[in-house]
PDB file of N, CA and C in Angstrom:
ATOM      1  N   MET A   1      85.413 -11.245 -36.735  1.00  0.00           N
ATOM      2  CA  MET A   1      84.052 -11.265 -36.275  1.00  0.00           C
ATOM      3  C   MET A   1      83.212 -10.480 -37.280  1.00  0.00           C
ATOM      4  N   ILE A   2      82.072 -11.010 -37.626  1.00  0.00           N
ATOM      5  CA  ILE A   2      81.156 -10.360 -38.569  1.00  0.00           C
ATOM      6  C   ILE A   2      79.784 -10.271 -37.924  1.00  0.00           C
ATOM      7  N   ASP A   3      79.144  -9.114 -38.084  1.00  0.00           N
ATOM      8  CA  ASP A   3      77.762  -9.024 -37.627  1.00  0.00           C
ATOM      9  C   ASP A   3      76.898  -8.449 -38.743  1.00  0.00           C
ATOM     10  N   THR A   4      75.610  -8.515 -38.554  1.00  0.00           N
ATOM     11  CA  THR A   4      74.673  -7.983 -39.544  1.00  0.00           C
ATOM     12  C   THR A   4      73.823  -6.891 -38.913  1.00  0.00           C
ATOM     13  N   GLY A   5      74.447  -6.131 -38.010  1.00  0.00           N
ATOM     14  CA  GLY A   5      73.744  -5.075 -37.288  1.00  0.00           C
ATOM     15  C   GLY A   5      73.583  -3.815 -38.115  1.00  0.00           C
ATOM     16  N   ILE A   6      73.512  -2.695 -37.428  1.00  0.00           N
ATOM     17  CA  ILE A   6      73.241  -1.422 -38.095  1.00  0.00           C
ATOM     18  C   ILE A   6      74.457  -0.826 -38.781  1.00  0.00           C
ATOM     19  N   GLY A   7      75.643  -1.371 -38.535  1.00  0.00           N
ATOM     20  CA  GLY A   7      76.852  -0.862 -39.161  1.00  0.00           C
ATOM     21  C   GLY A   7      77.368   0.397 -38.481  1.00  0.00           C
ATOM     22  N   ILE A   8      78.512   0.868 -38.966  1.00  0.00           N
ATOM     23  CA  ILE A   8      79.162   2.052 -38.416  1.00  0.00           C
ATOM     24  C   ILE A   8      79.363   3.033 -39.562  1.00  0.00           C
ATOM     25  N   PRO A   9      78.914   4.264 -39.425  1.00  0.00           N
ATOM     26  CA  PRO A   9      79.104   5.243 -40.497  1.00  0.00           C
ATOM     27  C   PRO A   9      80.591   5.458 -40.807  1.00  0.00           C
ATOM     28  N   ALA A  10      80.928   5.655 -42.070  1.00  0.00           N
ATOM     29  CA  ALA A  10      82.314   5.809 -42.508  1.00  0.00           C
ATOM     30  C   ALA A  10      83.043   6.924 -41.768  1.00  0.00           C
ATOM     31  N   GLU A  11      82.358   8.021 -41.465  1.00  0.00           N
ATOM     32  CA  GLU A  11      83.017   9.144 -40.798  1.00  0.00           C
ATOM     33  C   GLU A  11      83.399   8.831 -39.352  1.00  0.00           C
ATOM     34  N   GLU A  12      82.844   7.755 -38.781  1.00  0.00           N
ATOM     35  CA  GLU A  12      83.156   7.356 -37.410  1.00  0.00           C
ATOM     36  C   GLU A  12      84.344   6.388 -37.339  1.00  0.00           C
ATOM     37  N   LEU A  13      84.671   5.719 -38.423  1.00  0.00           N
ATOM     38  CA  LEU A  13      85.700   4.676 -38.414  1.00  0.00           C
ATOM     39  C   LEU A  13      87.074   5.148 -37.934  1.00  0.00           C
ATOM     40  N   PRO A  14      87.548   6.346 -38.285  1.00  0.00           N
ATOM     41  CA  PRO A  14      88.880   6.756 -37.808  1.00  0.00           C
ATOM     42  C   PRO A  14      89.002   6.867 -36.289  1.00  0.00           C
ATOM     43  N   TYR A  15      87.898   6.998 -35.594  1.00  0.00           N
ATOM     44  CA  TYR A  15      87.909   7.196 -34.146  1.00  0.00           C
ATOM     45  C   TYR A  15      87.550   5.927 -33.364  1.00  0.00           C
ATOM     46  N   LEU A  16      87.268   4.873 -34.054  1.00  0.00           N
ATOM     47  CA  LEU A  16      86.706   3.667 -33.455  1.00  0.00           C
ATOM     48  C   LEU A  16      87.562   3.064 -32.345  1.00  0.00           C
ATOM     49  N   PHE A  17      88.881   3.171 -32.448  1.00  0.00           N
ATOM     50  CA  PHE A  17      89.771   2.554 -31.459  1.00  0.00           C
ATOM     51  C   PHE A  17      90.267   3.549 -30.409  1.00  0.00           C
ATOM     52  N   ASP A  18      89.731   4.768 -30.413  1.00  0.00           N
ATOM     53  CA  ASP A  18      90.085   5.754 -29.391  1.00  0.00           C
ATOM     54  C   ASP A  18      89.445   5.383 -28.060  1.00  0.00           C
ATOM     55  N   ARG A  19      90.172   5.630 -26.970  1.00  0.00           N
ATOM     56  CA  ARG A  19      89.613   5.347 -25.647  1.00  0.00           C
ATOM     57  C   ARG A  19      88.360   6.183 -25.401  1.00  0.00           C
ATOM     58  N   PHE A  20      87.362   5.563 -24.837  1.00  0.00           N
ATOM     59  CA  PHE A  20      86.087   6.175 -24.436  1.00  0.00           C
ATOM     60  C   PHE A  20      85.236   6.652 -25.615  1.00  0.00           C
ATOM     61  N   TYR A  21      85.606   6.280 -26.830  1.00  0.00           N
ATOM     62  CA  TYR A  21      84.814   6.699 -27.994  1.00  0.00           C
ATOM     63  C   TYR A  21      83.620   5.768 -28.164  1.00  0.00           C
ATOM     64  N   ARG A  22      82.454   6.359 -28.340  1.00  0.00           N
ATOM     65  CA  ARG A  22      81.234   5.592 -28.594  1.00  0.00           C
ATOM     66  C   ARG A  22      80.552   6.186 -29.812  1.00  0.00           C
ATOM     67  N   VAL A  23      80.217   5.340 -30.774  1.00  0.00           N
ATOM     68  CA  VAL A  23      79.611   5.819 -32.014  1.00  0.00           C
ATOM     69  C   VAL A  23      78.254   6.434 -31.740  1.00  0.00           C
ATOM     70  N   ASP A  24      77.423   5.743 -31.010  1.00  0.00           N
ATOM     71  CA  ASP A  24      76.060   6.214 -30.732  1.00  0.00           C
ATOM     72  C   ASP A  24      75.896   6.353 -29.231  1.00  0.00           C
ATOM     73  N   GLU A  25      76.044   7.568 -28.734  1.00  0.00           N
ATOM     74  CA  GLU A  25      75.973   7.820 -27.291  1.00  0.00           C
ATOM     75  C   GLU A  25      74.697   7.273 -26.657  1.00  0.00           C
ATOM     76  N   ALA A  26      73.568   7.491 -27.277  1.00  0.00           N
ATOM     77  CA  ALA A  26      72.291   7.057 -26.690  1.00  0.00           C
ATOM     78  C   ALA A  26      72.226   5.543 -26.571  1.00  0.00           C
ATOM     79  N   ARG A  27      72.637   4.833 -27.616  1.00  0.00           N
ATOM     80  CA  ARG A  27      72.574   3.375 -27.574  1.00  0.00           C
ATOM     81  C   ARG A  27      73.607   2.805 -26.610  1.00  0.00           C
ATOM     82  N   SER A  28      74.801   3.375 -26.573  1.00  0.00           N
ATOM     83  CA  SER A  28      75.851   2.897 -25.680  1.00  0.00           C
ATOM     84  C   SER A  28      75.456   3.066 -24.222  1.00  0.00           C
ATOM     85  N   ARG A  29      74.838   4.189 -23.907  1.00  0.00           N
ATOM     86  CA  ARG A  29      74.404   4.434 -22.542  1.00  0.00           C
ATOM     87  C   ARG A  29      73.370   3.397 -22.132  1.00  0.00           C
ATOM     88  N   HIS A  30      72.478   3.051 -23.053  1.00  0.00           N
ATOM     89  CA  HIS A  30      71.433   2.070 -22.775  1.00  0.00           C
ATOM     90  C   HIS A  30      72.013   0.680 -22.540  1.00  0.00           C
ATOM     91  N   THR A  31      73.036   0.292 -23.305  1.00  0.00           N
ATOM     92  CA  THR A  31      73.623  -1.046 -23.184  1.00  0.00           C
ATOM     93  C   THR A  31      74.767  -1.100 -22.190  1.00  0.00           C
ATOM     94  N   GLY A  32      75.186   0.052 -21.660  1.00  0.00           N
ATOM     95  CA  GLY A  32      76.210   0.055 -20.619  1.00  0.00           C
ATOM     96  C   GLY A  32      77.634   0.094 -21.128  1.00  0.00           C
ATOM     97  N   GLY A  33      77.871   0.409 -22.381  1.00  0.00           N
ATOM     98  CA  GLY A  33      79.230   0.454 -22.911  1.00  0.00           C
ATOM     99  C   GLY A  33      80.024   1.629 -22.383  1.00  0.00           C
ATOM    100  N   THR A  34      81.343   1.407 -22.195  1.00  0.00           N
ATOM    101  CA  THR A  34      82.214   2.479 -21.701  1.00  0.00           C
ATOM    102  C   THR A  34      83.059   3.082 -22.812  1.00  0.00           C
ATOM    103  N   GLY A  35      83.130   2.433 -23.952  1.00  0.00           N
ATOM    104  CA  GLY A  35      83.982   2.914 -25.026  1.00  0.00           C
ATOM    105  C   GLY A  35      85.427   2.474 -24.871  1.00  0.00           C
ATOM    106  N   LEU A  36      85.677   1.461 -24.058  1.00  0.00           N
ATOM    107  CA  LEU A  36      87.047   0.985 -23.840  1.00  0.00           C
ATOM    108  C   LEU A  36      87.367  -0.327 -24.549  1.00  0.00           C
ATOM    109  N   GLY A  37      86.384  -1.126 -24.866  1.00  0.00           N
ATOM    110  CA  GLY A  37      86.622  -2.469 -25.390  1.00  0.00           C
ATOM    111  C   GLY A  37      87.486  -2.515 -26.635  1.00  0.00           C
ATOM    112  N   LEU A  38      87.150  -1.724 -27.649  1.00  0.00           N
ATOM    113  CA  LEU A  38      87.924  -1.746 -28.889  1.00  0.00           C
ATOM    114  C   LEU A  38      89.301  -1.139 -28.697  1.00  0.00           C
ATOM    115  N   SER A  39      89.420  -0.146 -27.814  1.00  0.00           N
ATOM    116  CA  SER A  39      90.729   0.438 -27.533  1.00  0.00           C
ATOM    117  C   SER A  39      91.645  -0.598 -26.878  1.00  0.00           C
ATOM    118  N   ILE A  40      91.123  -1.332 -25.920  1.00  0.00           N
ATOM    119  CA  ILE A  40      91.907  -2.371 -25.249  1.00  0.00           C
ATOM    120  C   ILE A  40      92.305  -3.452 -26.243  1.00  0.00           C
ATOM    121  N   ALA A  41      91.375  -3.899 -27.064  1.00  0.00           N
ATOM    122  CA  ALA A  41      91.687  -4.920 -28.074  1.00  0.00           C
ATOM    123  C   ALA A  41      92.771  -4.428 -29.025  1.00  0.00           C
ATOM    124  N   HIS A  42      92.659  -3.176 -29.462  1.00  0.00           N
ATOM    125  CA  HIS A  42      93.636  -2.585 -30.381  1.00  0.00           C
ATOM    126  C   HIS A  42      95.030  -2.560 -29.760  1.00  0.00           C
ATOM    127  N   HIS A  43      95.146  -2.116 -28.507  1.00  0.00           N
ATOM    128  CA  HIS A  43      96.441  -2.064 -27.828  1.00  0.00           C
ATOM    129  C   HIS A  43      97.007  -3.469 -27.613  1.00  0.00           C
ATOM    130  N   PHE A  44      96.181  -4.411 -27.254  1.00  0.00           N
ATOM    131  CA  PHE A  44      96.616  -5.796 -27.047  1.00  0.00           C
ATOM    132  C   PHE A  44      97.184  -6.386 -28.342  1.00  0.00           C
ATOM    133  N   VAL A  45      96.445  -6.217 -29.432  1.00  0.00           N
ATOM    134  CA  VAL A  45      96.883  -6.774 -30.717  1.00  0.00           C
ATOM    135  C   VAL A  45      98.181  -6.104 -31.170  1.00  0.00           C
ATOM    136  N   ARG A  46      98.284  -4.786 -31.053  1.00  0.00           N
ATOM    137  CA  ARG A  46      99.510  -4.074 -31.446  1.00  0.00           C
ATOM    138  C   ARG A  46     100.694  -4.496 -30.588  1.00  0.00           C
ATOM    139  N   ALA A  47     100.466  -4.733 -29.293  1.00  0.00           N
ATOM    140  CA  ALA A  47     101.544  -5.157 -28.397  1.00  0.00           C
ATOM    141  C   ALA A  47     102.117  -6.506 -28.809  1.00  0.00           C
ATOM    142  N   HIS A  48     101.327  -7.289 -29.528  1.00  0.00           N
ATOM    143  CA  HIS A  48     101.768  -8.601 -29.993  1.00  0.00           C
ATOM    144  C   HIS A  48     102.177  -8.584 -31.465  1.00  0.00           C
ATOM    145  N   GLY A  49     102.386  -7.391 -32.014  1.00  0.00           N
ATOM    146  CA  GLY A  49     102.891  -7.262 -33.380  1.00  0.00           C
ATOM    147  C   GLY A  49     101.839  -7.395 -34.459  1.00  0.00           C
ATOM    148  N   GLY A  50     100.584  -7.276 -34.129  1.00  0.00           N
ATOM    149  CA  GLY A  50      99.517  -7.440 -35.111  1.00  0.00           C
ATOM    150  C   GLY A  50      98.770  -6.152 -35.371  1.00  0.00           C
ATOM    151  N   PHE A  51      97.650  -6.282 -36.056  1.00  0.00           N
ATOM    152  CA  PHE A  51      96.791  -5.133 -36.312  1.00  0.00           C
ATOM    153  C   PHE A  51      95.361  -5.604 -36.500  1.00  0.00           C
ATOM    154  N   ILE A  52      94.432  -4.659 -36.381  1.00  0.00           N
ATOM    155  CA  ILE A  52      93.011  -4.936 -36.557  1.00  0.00           C
ATOM    156  C   ILE A  52      92.516  -4.128 -37.745  1.00  0.00           C
ATOM    157  N   ARG A  53      91.741  -4.776 -38.589  1.00  0.00           N
ATOM    158  CA  ARG A  53      91.113  -4.112 -39.733  1.00  0.00           C
ATOM    159  C   ARG A  53      89.603  -4.140 -39.516  1.00  0.00           C
ATOM    160  N   VAL A  54      88.942  -3.037 -39.868  1.00  0.00           N
ATOM    161  CA  VAL A  54      87.489  -2.965 -39.732  1.00  0.00           C
ATOM    162  C   VAL A  54      86.889  -2.496 -41.054  1.00  0.00           C
ATOM    163  N   ALA A  55      85.809  -3.130 -41.448  1.00  0.00           N
ATOM    164  CA  ALA A  55      85.042  -2.722 -42.633  1.00  0.00           C
ATOM    165  C   ALA A  55      83.582  -2.679 -42.215  1.00  0.00           C
ATOM    166  N   SER A  56      82.900  -1.613 -42.610  1.00  0.00           N
ATOM    167  CA  SER A  56      81.511  -1.470 -42.183  1.00  0.00           C
ATOM    168  C   SER A  56      80.698  -0.725 -43.223  1.00  0.00           C
ATOM    169  N   GLN A  57      79.446  -1.104 -43.327  1.00  0.00           N
ATOM    170  CA  GLN A  57      78.465  -0.422 -44.172  1.00  0.00           C
ATOM    171  C   GLN A  57      77.256  -0.125 -43.299  1.00  0.00           C
ATOM    172  N   SER A  58      76.800   1.119 -43.334  1.00  0.00           N
ATOM    173  CA  SER A  58      75.606   1.456 -42.561  1.00  0.00           C
ATOM    174  C   SER A  58      74.437   0.580 -42.987  1.00  0.00           C
ATOM    175  N   HIS A  59      73.727   0.062 -42.017  1.00  0.00           N
ATOM    176  CA  HIS A  59      72.545  -0.796 -42.198  1.00  0.00           C
ATOM    177  C   HIS A  59      72.872  -2.162 -42.790  1.00  0.00           C
ATOM    178  N   GLU A  60      74.161  -2.527 -42.873  1.00  0.00           N
ATOM    179  CA  GLU A  60      74.516  -3.847 -43.413  1.00  0.00           C
ATOM    180  C   GLU A  60      75.418  -4.650 -42.494  1.00  0.00           C
ATOM    181  N   GLY A  61      76.058  -4.003 -41.519  1.00  0.00           N
ATOM    182  CA  GLY A  61      76.894  -4.736 -40.586  1.00  0.00           C
ATOM    183  C   GLY A  61      78.351  -4.323 -40.617  1.00  0.00           C
ATOM    184  N   THR A  62      79.128  -4.988 -39.773  1.00  0.00           N
ATOM    185  CA  THR A  62      80.537  -4.660 -39.579  1.00  0.00           C
ATOM    186  C   THR A  62      81.354  -5.933 -39.520  1.00  0.00           C
ATOM    187  N   THR A  63      82.576  -5.869 -40.066  1.00  0.00           N
ATOM    188  CA  THR A  63      83.522  -6.983 -40.006  1.00  0.00           C
ATOM    189  C   THR A  63      84.807  -6.503 -39.348  1.00  0.00           C
ATOM    190  N   PHE A  64      85.222  -7.163 -38.289  1.00  0.00           N
ATOM    191  CA  PHE A  64      86.511  -6.922 -37.654  1.00  0.00           C
ATOM    192  C   PHE A  64      87.406  -8.108 -37.964  1.00  0.00           C
ATOM    193  N   THR A  65      88.621  -7.829 -38.437  1.00  0.00           N
ATOM    194  CA  THR A  65      89.590  -8.883 -38.723  1.00  0.00           C
ATOM    195  C   THR A  65      90.844  -8.592 -37.916  1.00  0.00           C
ATOM    196  N   VAL A  66      91.302  -9.579 -37.154  1.00  0.00           N
ATOM    197  CA  VAL A  66      92.498  -9.437 -36.330  1.00  0.00           C
ATOM    198  C   VAL A  66      93.621 -10.245 -36.972  1.00  0.00           C
ATOM    199  N   PHE A  67      94.770  -9.580 -37.164  1.00  0.00           N
ATOM    200  CA  PHE A  67      95.945 -10.235 -37.719  1.00  0.00           C
ATOM    201  C   PHE A  67      97.018 -10.282 -36.630  1.00  0.00           C
ATOM    202  N   LEU A  68      97.497 -11.488 -36.321  1.00  0.00           N
ATOM    203  CA  LEU A  68      98.571 -11.675 -35.355  1.00  0.00           C
ATOM    204  C   LEU A  68      99.676 -12.499 -36.026  1.00  0.00           C
ATOM    205  N   PRO A  69     100.941 -12.130 -35.799  1.00  0.00           N
ATOM    206  CA  PRO A  69     102.030 -12.891 -36.408  1.00  0.00           C
ATOM    207  C   PRO A  69     102.157 -14.272 -35.752  1.00  0.00           C
ATOM    208  N   ILE A  70     102.601 -15.219 -36.517  1.00  0.00           N
ATOM    209  CA  ILE A  70     102.816 -16.578 -36.016  1.00  0.00           C
ATOM    210  C   ILE A  70     104.254 -16.695 -35.520  1.00  0.00           C
ATOM    211  N   GLY A  71     104.417 -17.325 -34.355  1.00  0.00           N
ATOM    212  CA  GLY A  71     105.749 -17.632 -33.854  1.00  0.00           C
ATOM    213  C   GLY A  71     106.544 -16.441 -33.352  1.00  0.00           C
ATOM    214  N   ARG A  72     105.884 -15.441 -32.887  1.00  0.00           N
ATOM    215  CA  ARG A  72     106.611 -14.301 -32.337  1.00  0.00           C
ATOM    216  C   ARG A  72     106.922 -14.521 -30.894  1.00  0.00           C
TER     217      ARG A  72
END
């Protein structure tokens, strides 16, 4: 998935898949996010033998890539 939003600062990336972690508290509260979505996705993908890669630039957007093994 690729977006062209505000991006995620590099210092926030190591925590992105932690439960209840929200990059921007004020914006998340406004949109109703709980900070669980990426954690759940991360656990689901790992449970199936895969991994998620994220690349982001502030003010340019974010790319999430999900890798899942074939035929597992």
